[in-house]
Amino acid sequence: MSERLSLVLFAVLAGVYGIAATVTAVTAFIEVVGGTEATVTLSTEYPVPPDAAVGTATVLSGNFDSATVVVSALDWLSRAFLGGGILVTALMHLTIAATIVYLCLGLVRGRPFARPMTWLLATTSNVLILGGLIGAGLTIAGQFSIASQLDPDPAETVFPMAGYADLAPLVVGVALAAAAAAFELGERLQRDTEGLV
């Protein structure tokens, strides 16, 4: 398969990914904000029962650390936190998809170090770093709010006031910042050598 065809295929796949991420986010947002029920993942502290294993191996100890639950009768603040987390995460996915599409098409055109590419990589880096922090903060705030509504007594609850965050967007954002710096250098070199040949 030729390089150009591979790049076009990657651009199409990134576009499909962006569309799928948008549809998934819109569906989840409508369910959380406008529906009567919401499916959420909460932190939990629940021991694995010793009789959970029926084979030759034996469970000595264990804990469940998360649970996906369907809840209803949530207050508007919990729904707003979760909906905000969904929207910020969707923005990050769309930005990644747009960056991949633009990068692939720039490589197909033979101009990978164009000025807009450097700007797009730097913008995507910032969106991932800030979006990762804000999205995680909103989601954890929603999880805290829901846990307190399910059981306001933190000592006796199965759902403690705890949350978890995915740090992958932050790592990818930092890597893209380095790539943006490399693209800026490449753009400068390309500009300097255009008249030499």
C-alpha atoms as a PDB file:
ATOM      1  CA  MET A   1       0.000   0.000   0.000  1.00  0.00           C
ATOM      2  CA  SER A   2       1.396   3.384  -0.940  1.00  0.00           C
ATOM      3  CA  GLU A   3       2.207   6.003   1.665  1.00  0.00           C
ATOM      4  CA  ARG A   4      -0.377   8.417   0.271  1.00  0.00           C
ATOM      5  CA  LEU A   5      -3.111   5.797   0.443  1.00  0.00           C
ATOM      6  CA  SER A   6      -2.098   4.912   4.020  1.00  0.00           C
ATOM      7  CA  LEU A   7      -2.250   8.570   5.034  1.00  0.00           C
ATOM      8  CA  VAL A   8      -5.675   9.022   3.437  1.00  0.00           C
ATOM      9  CA  LEU A   9      -6.866   5.849   5.202  1.00  0.00           C
ATOM     10  CA  PHE A  10      -5.592   7.188   8.563  1.00  0.00           C
ATOM     11  CA  ALA A  11      -7.357  10.505   7.890  1.00  0.00           C
ATOM     12  CA  VAL A  12     -10.638   8.710   7.115  1.00  0.00           C
ATOM     13  CA  LEU A  13     -10.337   6.518  10.217  1.00  0.00           C
ATOM     14  CA  ALA A  14      -9.631   9.584  12.373  1.00  0.00           C
ATOM     15  CA  GLY A  15     -12.686  11.296  10.878  1.00  0.00           C
ATOM     16  CA  VAL A  16     -14.861   8.265  11.630  1.00  0.00           C
ATOM     17  CA  TYR A  17     -13.439   8.184  15.157  1.00  0.00           C
ATOM     18  CA  GLY A  18     -14.332  11.865  15.611  1.00  0.00           C
ATOM     19  CA  ILE A  19     -17.885  11.279  14.407  1.00  0.00           C
ATOM     20  CA  ALA A  20     -18.306   8.194  16.640  1.00  0.00           C
ATOM     21  CA  ALA A  21     -16.929  10.094  19.654  1.00  0.00           C
ATOM     22  CA  THR A  22     -19.366  12.940  18.990  1.00  0.00           C
ATOM     23  CA  VAL A  23     -22.379  10.630  18.696  1.00  0.00           C
ATOM     24  CA  THR A  24     -21.373   8.757  21.861  1.00  0.00           C
ATOM     25  CA  ALA A  25     -20.861  11.997  23.786  1.00  0.00           C
ATOM     26  CA  VAL A  26     -24.172  13.498  22.653  1.00  0.00           C
ATOM     27  CA  THR A  27     -26.012  10.307  23.633  1.00  0.00           C
ATOM     28  CA  ALA A  28     -24.323  10.191  27.055  1.00  0.00           C
ATOM     29  CA  PHE A  29     -24.913  13.922  27.621  1.00  0.00           C
ATOM     30  CA  ILE A  30     -28.627  13.611  26.811  1.00  0.00           C
ATOM     31  CA  GLU A  31     -28.924  10.583  29.116  1.00  0.00           C
ATOM     32  CA  VAL A  32     -27.184  12.330  32.020  1.00  0.00           C
ATOM     33  CA  VAL A  33     -28.672  15.813  31.709  1.00  0.00           C
ATOM     34  CA  GLY A  34     -32.106  15.165  30.246  1.00  0.00           C
ATOM     35  CA  GLY A  35     -32.972  11.613  31.245  1.00  0.00           C
ATOM     36  CA  THR A  36     -34.529  10.227  34.378  1.00  0.00           C
ATOM     37  CA  GLU A  37     -31.685   7.752  34.888  1.00  0.00           C
ATOM     38  CA  ALA A  38     -27.934   7.967  34.469  1.00  0.00           C
ATOM     39  CA  THR A  39     -25.285   5.281  34.189  1.00  0.00           C
ATOM     40  CA  VAL A  40     -22.165   6.244  36.133  1.00  0.00           C
ATOM     41  CA  THR A  41     -19.018   4.565  37.371  1.00  0.00           C
ATOM     42  CA  LEU A  42     -18.335   5.151  41.043  1.00  0.00           C
ATOM     43  CA  SER A  43     -15.500   4.180  43.326  1.00  0.00           C
ATOM     44  CA  THR A  44     -16.473   1.509  45.785  1.00  0.00           C
ATOM     45  CA  GLU A  45     -15.008  -0.450  48.645  1.00  0.00           C
ATOM     46  CA  TYR A  46     -16.591  -3.855  48.655  1.00  0.00           C
ATOM     47  CA  PRO A  47     -14.852  -7.134  49.517  1.00  0.00           C
ATOM     48  CA  VAL A  48     -14.875 -10.012  47.078  1.00  0.00           C
ATOM     49  CA  PRO A  49     -16.733 -12.869  48.791  1.00  0.00           C
ATOM     50  CA  PRO A  50     -14.556 -15.949  49.444  1.00  0.00           C
ATOM     51  CA  ASP A  51     -17.113 -18.164  47.693  1.00  0.00           C
ATOM     52  CA  ALA A  52     -16.785 -16.148  44.456  1.00  0.00           C
ATOM     53  CA  ALA A  53     -14.472 -18.832  43.053  1.00  0.00           C
ATOM     54  CA  VAL A  54     -15.910 -22.288  42.387  1.00  0.00           C
ATOM     55  CA  GLY A  55     -12.886 -23.806  40.626  1.00  0.00           C
ATOM     56  CA  THR A  56      -9.697 -25.284  42.003  1.00  0.00           C
ATOM     57  CA  ALA A  57      -8.173 -21.883  42.843  1.00  0.00           C
ATOM     58  CA  THR A  58      -9.219 -20.119  46.034  1.00  0.00           C
ATOM     59  CA  VAL A  59      -9.904 -16.420  46.603  1.00  0.00           C
ATOM     60  CA  LEU A  60      -7.881 -15.392  49.648  1.00  0.00           C
ATOM     61  CA  SER A  61      -8.849 -11.722  49.634  1.00  0.00           C
ATOM     62  CA  GLY A  62      -9.894  -8.983  47.260  1.00  0.00           C
ATOM     63  CA  ASN A  63     -11.890  -5.812  46.837  1.00  0.00           C
ATOM     64  CA  PHE A  64     -14.016  -4.305  44.136  1.00  0.00           C
ATOM     65  CA  ASP A  65     -12.747  -0.778  43.531  1.00  0.00           C
ATOM     66  CA  SER A  66     -15.365   0.499  41.080  1.00  0.00           C
ATOM     67  CA  ALA A  67     -18.959  -0.187  40.136  1.00  0.00           C
ATOM     68  CA  THR A  68     -21.077   0.870  37.190  1.00  0.00           C
ATOM     69  CA  VAL A  69     -24.483   1.794  38.550  1.00  0.00           C
ATOM     70  CA  VAL A  70     -27.720   3.147  37.108  1.00  0.00           C
ATOM     71  CA  VAL A  71     -29.064   5.895  39.349  1.00  0.00           C
ATOM     72  CA  SER A  72     -32.151   8.084  39.266  1.00  0.00           C
ATOM     73  CA  ALA A  73     -33.445  11.149  41.085  1.00  0.00           C
ATOM     74  CA  LEU A  74     -30.109  12.971  40.835  1.00  0.00           C
ATOM     75  CA  ASP A  75     -29.971  16.658  41.638  1.00  0.00           C
ATOM     76  CA  TRP A  76     -29.165  19.192  38.925  1.00  0.00           C
ATOM     77  CA  LEU A  77     -25.639  19.836  40.238  1.00  0.00           C
ATOM     78  CA  SER A  78     -24.585  16.188  39.846  1.00  0.00           C
ATOM     79  CA  ARG A  79     -26.031  16.152  36.345  1.00  0.00           C
ATOM     80  CA  ALA A  80     -24.251  19.418  35.494  1.00  0.00           C
ATOM     81  CA  PHE A  81     -20.891  18.094  36.720  1.00  0.00           C
ATOM     82  CA  LEU A  82     -21.223  14.833  34.805  1.00  0.00           C
ATOM     83  CA  GLY A  83     -22.532  16.567  31.674  1.00  0.00           C
ATOM     84  CA  GLY A  84     -19.662  19.049  31.780  1.00  0.00           C
ATOM     85  CA  GLY A  85     -17.161  16.205  32.100  1.00  0.00           C
ATOM     86  CA  ILE A  86     -18.730  14.480  29.087  1.00  0.00           C
ATOM     87  CA  LEU A  87     -18.574  17.653  26.961  1.00  0.00           C
ATOM     88  CA  VAL A  88     -14.951  18.404  27.857  1.00  0.00           C
ATOM     89  CA  THR A  89     -13.935  14.818  27.097  1.00  0.00           C
ATOM     90  CA  ALA A  90     -15.774  14.978  23.759  1.00  0.00           C
ATOM     91  CA  LEU A  91     -13.922  18.193  22.898  1.00  0.00           C
ATOM     92  CA  MET A  92     -10.616  16.426  23.557  1.00  0.00           C
ATOM     93  CA  HIS A  93     -11.567  13.508  21.280  1.00  0.00           C
ATOM     94  CA  LEU A  94     -12.710  15.837  18.490  1.00  0.00           C
ATOM     95  CA  THR A  95      -9.513  17.860  18.734  1.00  0.00           C
ATOM     96  CA  ILE A  96      -7.391  14.714  18.470  1.00  0.00           C
ATOM     97  CA  ALA A  97      -9.374  13.508  15.444  1.00  0.00           C
ATOM     98  CA  ALA A  98      -9.116  16.890  13.693  1.00  0.00           C
ATOM     99  CA  THR A  99      -5.379  17.043  14.340  1.00  0.00           C
ATOM    100  CA  ILE A 100      -4.806  13.571  12.887  1.00  0.00           C
ATOM    101  CA  VAL A 101      -6.916  14.369   9.802  1.00  0.00           C
ATOM    102  CA  TYR A 102      -5.098  17.664   9.219  1.00  0.00           C
ATOM    103  CA  LEU A 103      -1.659  16.110   9.783  1.00  0.00           C
ATOM    104  CA  CYS A 104      -2.343  13.246   7.368  1.00  0.00           C
ATOM    105  CA  LEU A 105      -3.692  15.560   4.691  1.00  0.00           C
ATOM    106  CA  GLY A 106      -0.701  17.891   5.174  1.00  0.00           C
ATOM    107  CA  LEU A 107       1.645  14.958   4.635  1.00  0.00           C
ATOM    108  CA  VAL A 108      -0.286  13.914   1.512  1.00  0.00           C
ATOM    109  CA  ARG A 109       0.110  17.459   0.129  1.00  0.00           C
ATOM    110  CA  GLY A 110       3.830  17.374   0.944  1.00  0.00           C
ATOM    111  CA  ARG A 111       3.663  20.305   3.378  1.00  0.00           C
ATOM    112  CA  PRO A 112       3.928  18.769   6.861  1.00  0.00           C
ATOM    113  CA  PHE A 113       5.609  21.820   8.383  1.00  0.00           C
ATOM    114  CA  ALA A 114       2.976  24.378   7.379  1.00  0.00           C
ATOM    115  CA  ARG A 115       2.272  27.155   9.876  1.00  0.00           C
ATOM    116  CA  PRO A 116      -1.279  25.955  10.666  1.00  0.00           C
ATOM    117  CA  MET A 117       0.071  22.498  11.603  1.00  0.00           C
ATOM    118  CA  THR A 118       2.343  23.917  14.282  1.00  0.00           C
ATOM    119  CA  TRP A 119      -0.512  26.025  15.623  1.00  0.00           C
ATOM    120  CA  LEU A 120      -2.895  23.031  15.574  1.00  0.00           C
ATOM    121  CA  LEU A 121      -0.451  20.783  17.453  1.00  0.00           C
ATOM    122  CA  ALA A 122       0.133  23.466  20.101  1.00  0.00           C
ATOM    123  CA  THR A 123      -3.616  24.072  20.433  1.00  0.00           C
ATOM    124  CA  THR A 124      -4.329  20.340  20.691  1.00  0.00           C
ATOM    125  CA  SER A 125      -1.645  20.048  23.358  1.00  0.00           C
ATOM    126  CA  ASN A 126      -3.281  22.815  25.411  1.00  0.00           C
ATOM    127  CA  VAL A 127      -6.772  21.358  24.924  1.00  0.00           C
ATOM    128  CA  LEU A 128      -5.599  17.943  26.135  1.00  0.00           C
ATOM    129  CA  ILE A 129      -3.743  19.269  29.175  1.00  0.00           C
ATOM    130  CA  LEU A 130      -6.461  21.696  30.269  1.00  0.00           C
ATOM    131  CA  GLY A 131      -9.306  19.431  29.158  1.00  0.00           C
ATOM    132  CA  GLY A 132      -7.789  16.485  30.995  1.00  0.00           C
ATOM    133  CA  LEU A 133      -7.630  18.473  34.207  1.00  0.00           C
ATOM    134  CA  ILE A 134     -11.039  20.154  33.866  1.00  0.00           C
ATOM    135  CA  GLY A 135     -12.813  17.017  32.600  1.00  0.00           C
ATOM    136  CA  ALA A 136     -11.400  14.914  35.428  1.00  0.00           C
ATOM    137  CA  GLY A 137     -12.322  17.589  37.977  1.00  0.00           C
ATOM    138  CA  LEU A 138     -15.915  17.804  36.739  1.00  0.00           C
ATOM    139  CA  THR A 139     -16.334  14.035  36.594  1.00  0.00           C
ATOM    140  CA  ILE A 140     -14.885  13.502  40.081  1.00  0.00           C
ATOM    141  CA  ALA A 141     -17.088  16.292  41.467  1.00  0.00           C
ATOM    142  CA  GLY A 142     -20.095  14.527  39.920  1.00  0.00           C
ATOM    143  CA  GLN A 143     -19.018  11.202  41.417  1.00  0.00           C
ATOM    144  CA  PHE A 144     -18.611  12.822  44.853  1.00  0.00           C
ATOM    145  CA  SER A 145     -22.028  14.427  44.571  1.00  0.00           C
ATOM    146  CA  ILE A 146     -23.707  11.175  43.551  1.00  0.00           C
ATOM    147  CA  ALA A 147     -21.938   9.196  46.308  1.00  0.00           C
ATOM    148  CA  SER A 148     -23.187  11.688  48.894  1.00  0.00           C
ATOM    149  CA  GLN A 149     -26.745  11.388  47.557  1.00  0.00           C
ATOM    150  CA  LEU A 150     -26.652   7.592  47.622  1.00  0.00           C
ATOM    151  CA  ASP A 151     -25.480   7.508  51.234  1.00  0.00           C
ATOM    152  CA  PRO A 152     -24.667  10.682  53.177  1.00  0.00           C
ATOM    153  CA  ASP A 153     -22.864   8.711  55.920  1.00  0.00           C
ATOM    154  CA  PRO A 154     -19.293   8.251  54.600  1.00  0.00           C
ATOM    155  CA  ALA A 155     -18.394   5.753  57.333  1.00  0.00           C
ATOM    156  CA  GLU A 156     -21.114   3.266  56.404  1.00  0.00           C
ATOM    157  CA  THR A 157     -21.370   3.614  52.640  1.00  0.00           C
ATOM    158  CA  VAL A 158     -20.312   1.200  49.919  1.00  0.00           C
ATOM    159  CA  PHE A 159     -19.565   4.238  47.733  1.00  0.00           C
ATOM    160  CA  PRO A 160     -16.911   6.355  49.482  1.00  0.00           C
ATOM    161  CA  MET A 161     -16.150   9.946  48.566  1.00  0.00           C
ATOM    162  CA  ALA A 162     -13.477   8.983  46.074  1.00  0.00           C
ATOM    163  CA  GLY A 163     -12.887   9.394  42.386  1.00  0.00           C
ATOM    164  CA  TYR A 164     -10.365   8.465  39.786  1.00  0.00           C
ATOM    165  CA  ALA A 165      -8.897  10.320  36.856  1.00  0.00           C
ATOM    166  CA  ASP A 166      -7.330   9.200  33.607  1.00  0.00           C
ATOM    167  CA  LEU A 167      -3.957  10.925  33.242  1.00  0.00           C
ATOM    168  CA  ALA A 168      -3.440   9.782  29.641  1.00  0.00           C
ATOM    169  CA  PRO A 169      -4.674  13.094  28.119  1.00  0.00           C
ATOM    170  CA  LEU A 170      -2.081  14.994  30.161  1.00  0.00           C
ATOM    171  CA  VAL A 171       0.748  12.742  28.987  1.00  0.00           C
ATOM    172  CA  VAL A 172      -0.386  12.943  25.362  1.00  0.00           C
ATOM    173  CA  GLY A 173      -0.744  16.728  25.699  1.00  0.00           C
ATOM    174  CA  VAL A 174       2.847  17.077  26.893  1.00  0.00           C
ATOM    175  CA  ALA A 175       4.053  14.824  24.042  1.00  0.00           C
ATOM    176  CA  LEU A 176       2.139  16.952  21.533  1.00  0.00           C
ATOM    177  CA  ALA A 177       3.725  20.087  22.978  1.00  0.00           C
ATOM    178  CA  ALA A 178       7.125  18.559  22.191  1.00  0.00           C
ATOM    179  CA  ALA A 179       5.901  17.636  18.695  1.00  0.00           C
ATOM    180  CA  ALA A 180       4.655  21.208  18.174  1.00  0.00           C
ATOM    181  CA  ALA A 181       8.120  22.520  19.079  1.00  0.00           C
ATOM    182  CA  ALA A 182       9.691  20.075  16.594  1.00  0.00           C
ATOM    183  CA  PHE A 183       7.232  21.155  13.898  1.00  0.00           C
ATOM    184  CA  GLU A 184       8.080  24.797  14.553  1.00  0.00           C
ATOM    185  CA  LEU A 185      11.768  24.013  14.015  1.00  0.00           C
ATOM    186  CA  GLY A 186      10.919  22.027  10.875  1.00  0.00           C
ATOM    187  CA  GLU A 187       8.816  24.910   9.581  1.00  0.00           C
ATOM    188  CA  ARG A 188      11.702  27.308  10.151  1.00  0.00           C
ATOM    189  CA  LEU A 189      14.171  24.987   8.381  1.00  0.00           C
ATOM    190  CA  GLN A 190      11.770  24.492   5.481  1.00  0.00           C
ATOM    191  CA  ARG A 191      11.374  28.252   5.104  1.00  0.00           C
ATOM    192  CA  ASP A 192      15.146  28.826   5.263  1.00  0.00           C
ATOM    193  CA  THR A 193      15.948  26.174   2.650  1.00  0.00           C
ATOM    194  CA  GLU A 194      13.191  26.929   0.123  1.00  0.00           C
ATOM    195  CA  GLY A 195      15.377  29.182  -2.022  1.00  0.00           C
ATOM    196  CA  LEU A 196      18.569  27.118  -1.803  1.00  0.00           C
ATOM    197  CA  VAL A 197      17.733  24.384  -4.300  1.00  0.00           C
END
